[in-house]
Amino acid sequence: MAAKVVWSSDSAEPCPICRKSAGECLCQKRVPEGVAKIRIEKRRGKTVTVIAELSLERSDVKLLLRDLKKRCATGGTCKGQTLELQGDHVDFVRQWLDKCSIAHRGWN
């Protein structure tokens, strides 16, 4: 029978998946925390909301894009770690990133 840790003086929280310390965990790729940058660009006379430098996994970026497209009722695309939404949706994107606890900067 494997020993189960009941209490530890280690201050770091264990990984919720494998229950190993953060230094020993290999089940998740640790992505450094960054700050997403929001800006508006004009392309052929049309407005595009750009969210750049997201520090999320590729699958999470795609889920975020899907949610934003649905809630803004607009089209959009994902290019690497950058999301592009058709139209000016900066206010909603800022609120949504706050709700998702994603640090962001730009377009005050």
C-alpha atoms as a PDB file:
ATOM      1  CA  MET A   1       0.000   0.000   0.000  1.00  0.00           C
ATOM      2  CA  ALA A   2       1.407   3.380  -1.016  1.00  0.00           C
ATOM      3  CA  ALA A   3       1.815   6.006   1.652  1.00  0.00           C
ATOM      4  CA  LYS A   4      -0.524   8.952   1.299  1.00  0.00           C
ATOM      5  CA  VAL A   5       0.735  12.329   2.500  1.00  0.00           C
ATOM      6  CA  VAL A   6      -1.641  13.701   5.100  1.00  0.00           C
ATOM      7  CA  TRP A   7       0.296  16.802   6.103  1.00  0.00           C
ATOM      8  CA  SER A   8       3.440  18.433   4.782  1.00  0.00           C
ATOM      9  CA  SER A   9       5.478  21.479   5.746  1.00  0.00           C
ATOM     10  CA  ASP A  10       6.091  22.178   2.058  1.00  0.00           C
ATOM     11  CA  SER A  11       4.491  25.577   1.366  1.00  0.00           C
ATOM     12  CA  ALA A  12       4.028  25.025  -2.383  1.00  0.00           C
ATOM     13  CA  GLU A  13       0.696  23.555  -3.407  1.00  0.00           C
ATOM     14  CA  PRO A  14       0.872  20.193  -5.167  1.00  0.00           C
ATOM     15  CA  CYS A  15      -0.303  19.661  -8.718  1.00  0.00           C
ATOM     16  CA  PRO A  16      -4.062  18.973  -8.651  1.00  0.00           C
ATOM     17  CA  ILE A  17      -3.678  16.161 -11.198  1.00  0.00           C
ATOM     18  CA  CYS A  18      -0.715  14.066 -10.021  1.00  0.00           C
ATOM     19  CA  ARG A  19      -0.383  15.417  -6.447  1.00  0.00           C
ATOM     20  CA  LYS A  20       3.387  15.893  -6.836  1.00  0.00           C
ATOM     21  CA  SER A  21       5.165  19.082  -5.856  1.00  0.00           C
ATOM     22  CA  ALA A  22       5.425  21.776  -8.506  1.00  0.00           C
ATOM     23  CA  GLY A  23       9.103  20.951  -9.105  1.00  0.00           C
ATOM     24  CA  GLU A  24       8.447  17.238  -9.694  1.00  0.00           C
ATOM     25  CA  CYS A  25       5.248  17.597 -11.757  1.00  0.00           C
ATOM     26  CA  LEU A  26       5.542  16.645 -15.413  1.00  0.00           C
ATOM     27  CA  CYS A  27       1.857  16.255 -16.268  1.00  0.00           C
ATOM     28  CA  GLN A  28       1.255  19.900 -17.147  1.00  0.00           C
ATOM     29  CA  LYS A  29       3.360  22.279 -19.143  1.00  0.00           C
ATOM     30  CA  ARG A  30       4.013  25.277 -16.987  1.00  0.00           C
ATOM     31  CA  VAL A  31       3.436  28.434 -18.987  1.00  0.00           C
ATOM     32  CA  PRO A  32       5.050  31.576 -17.604  1.00  0.00           C
ATOM     33  CA  GLU A  33       2.600  34.212 -16.528  1.00  0.00           C
ATOM     34  CA  GLY A  34       2.405  37.097 -18.939  1.00  0.00           C
ATOM     35  CA  VAL A  35       0.224  40.028 -19.739  1.00  0.00           C
ATOM     36  CA  ALA A  36      -2.109  39.891 -22.732  1.00  0.00           C
ATOM     37  CA  LYS A  37      -2.112  43.014 -24.861  1.00  0.00           C
ATOM     38  CA  ILE A  38      -5.344  44.352 -26.360  1.00  0.00           C
ATOM     39  CA  ARG A  39      -5.349  46.724 -29.319  1.00  0.00           C
ATOM     40  CA  ILE A  40      -7.475  47.832 -32.259  1.00  0.00           C
ATOM     41  CA  GLU A  41      -6.221  47.685 -35.830  1.00  0.00           C
ATOM     42  CA  LYS A  42      -7.724  48.943 -39.079  1.00  0.00           C
ATOM     43  CA  ARG A  43      -7.624  46.602 -42.065  1.00  0.00           C
ATOM     44  CA  ARG A  44      -9.063  47.726 -45.386  1.00  0.00           C
ATOM     45  CA  GLY A  45     -11.282  50.216 -43.579  1.00  0.00           C
ATOM     46  CA  LYS A  46     -12.575  47.647 -41.083  1.00  0.00           C
ATOM     47  CA  THR A  47     -11.894  47.438 -37.365  1.00  0.00           C
ATOM     48  CA  VAL A  48     -10.237  44.379 -35.803  1.00  0.00           C
ATOM     49  CA  THR A  49      -9.772  43.755 -32.072  1.00  0.00           C
ATOM     50  CA  VAL A  50      -6.427  42.018 -31.463  1.00  0.00           C
ATOM     51  CA  ILE A  51      -5.513  40.181 -28.253  1.00  0.00           C
ATOM     52  CA  ALA A  52      -1.795  39.379 -28.373  1.00  0.00           C
ATOM     53  CA  GLU A  53       0.766  37.574 -26.193  1.00  0.00           C
ATOM     54  CA  LEU A  54      -1.653  35.277 -24.393  1.00  0.00           C
ATOM     55  CA  SER A  55       0.191  33.013 -21.966  1.00  0.00           C
ATOM     56  CA  LEU A  56      -2.147  30.051 -22.406  1.00  0.00           C
ATOM     57  CA  GLU A  57      -1.881  26.589 -23.916  1.00  0.00           C
ATOM     58  CA  ARG A  58      -2.988  26.289 -27.552  1.00  0.00           C
ATOM     59  CA  SER A  59      -6.183  24.418 -26.635  1.00  0.00           C
ATOM     60  CA  ASP A  60      -7.094  27.070 -24.039  1.00  0.00           C
ATOM     61  CA  VAL A  61      -6.526  29.844 -26.591  1.00  0.00           C
ATOM     62  CA  LYS A  62      -8.938  28.140 -28.978  1.00  0.00           C
ATOM     63  CA  LEU A  63     -11.553  27.756 -26.221  1.00  0.00           C
ATOM     64  CA  LEU A  64     -11.188  31.425 -25.296  1.00  0.00           C
ATOM     65  CA  LEU A  65     -11.618  32.414 -28.955  1.00  0.00           C
ATOM     66  CA  ARG A  66     -14.728  30.255 -29.277  1.00  0.00           C
ATOM     67  CA  ASP A  67     -16.274  31.859 -26.174  1.00  0.00           C
ATOM     68  CA  LEU A  68     -15.438  35.394 -27.312  1.00  0.00           C
ATOM     69  CA  LYS A  69     -16.792  34.832 -30.822  1.00  0.00           C
ATOM     70  CA  LYS A  70     -20.030  33.441 -29.430  1.00  0.00           C
ATOM     71  CA  ARG A  71     -20.520  36.197 -26.854  1.00  0.00           C
ATOM     72  CA  CYS A  72     -19.574  39.036 -29.235  1.00  0.00           C
ATOM     73  CA  ALA A  73     -21.615  37.514 -32.088  1.00  0.00           C
ATOM     74  CA  THR A  74     -18.756  38.045 -34.507  1.00  0.00           C
ATOM     75  CA  GLY A  75     -16.132  36.190 -36.488  1.00  0.00           C
ATOM     76  CA  GLY A  76     -12.521  35.784 -35.535  1.00  0.00           C
ATOM     77  CA  THR A  77      -9.370  33.763 -35.908  1.00  0.00           C
ATOM     78  CA  CYS A  78      -6.441  32.435 -33.913  1.00  0.00           C
ATOM     79  CA  LYS A  79      -2.901  32.973 -35.174  1.00  0.00           C
ATOM     80  CA  GLY A  80      -0.444  31.392 -32.735  1.00  0.00           C
ATOM     81  CA  GLN A  81      -0.955  33.064 -29.358  1.00  0.00           C
ATOM     82  CA  THR A  82      -2.880  35.974 -30.924  1.00  0.00           C
ATOM     83  CA  LEU A  83      -6.650  36.261 -31.246  1.00  0.00           C
ATOM     84  CA  GLU A  84      -8.339  38.500 -33.802  1.00  0.00           C
ATOM     85  CA  LEU A  85     -12.020  39.457 -33.554  1.00  0.00           C
ATOM     86  CA  GLN A  86     -13.895  41.318 -36.272  1.00  0.00           C
ATOM     87  CA  GLY A  87     -15.132  44.689 -35.023  1.00  0.00           C
ATOM     88  CA  ASP A  88     -14.480  46.892 -32.001  1.00  0.00           C
ATOM     89  CA  HIS A  89     -15.079  44.681 -28.953  1.00  0.00           C
ATOM     90  CA  VAL A  90     -12.398  46.062 -26.618  1.00  0.00           C
ATOM     91  CA  ASP A  91     -14.730  46.817 -23.695  1.00  0.00           C
ATOM     92  CA  PHE A  92     -16.290  43.363 -23.701  1.00  0.00           C
ATOM     93  CA  VAL A  93     -12.913  41.633 -24.175  1.00  0.00           C
ATOM     94  CA  ARG A  94     -11.475  43.513 -21.178  1.00  0.00           C
ATOM     95  CA  GLN A  95     -14.432  42.471 -19.007  1.00  0.00           C
ATOM     96  CA  TRP A  96     -14.224  38.871 -20.195  1.00  0.00           C
ATOM     97  CA  LEU A  97     -10.462  38.623 -19.550  1.00  0.00           C
ATOM     98  CA  ASP A  98     -11.043  40.029 -16.047  1.00  0.00           C
ATOM     99  CA  LYS A  99     -13.724  37.403 -15.469  1.00  0.00           C
ATOM    100  CA  CYS A 100     -11.335  34.664 -16.673  1.00  0.00           C
ATOM    101  CA  SER A 101      -8.532  36.039 -14.428  1.00  0.00           C
ATOM    102  CA  ILE A 102      -6.225  36.744 -17.362  1.00  0.00           C
ATOM    103  CA  ALA A 103      -3.939  39.734 -16.856  1.00  0.00           C
ATOM    104  CA  HIS A 104      -4.207  42.257 -19.670  1.00  0.00           C
ATOM    105  CA  ARG A 105      -2.992  45.670 -20.663  1.00  0.00           C
ATOM    106  CA  GLY A 106      -3.894  48.228 -23.259  1.00  0.00           C
ATOM    107  CA  TRP A 107      -6.722  50.384 -24.454  1.00  0.00           C
ATOM    108  CA  ASN A 108      -7.617  52.071 -21.177  1.00  0.00           C
END
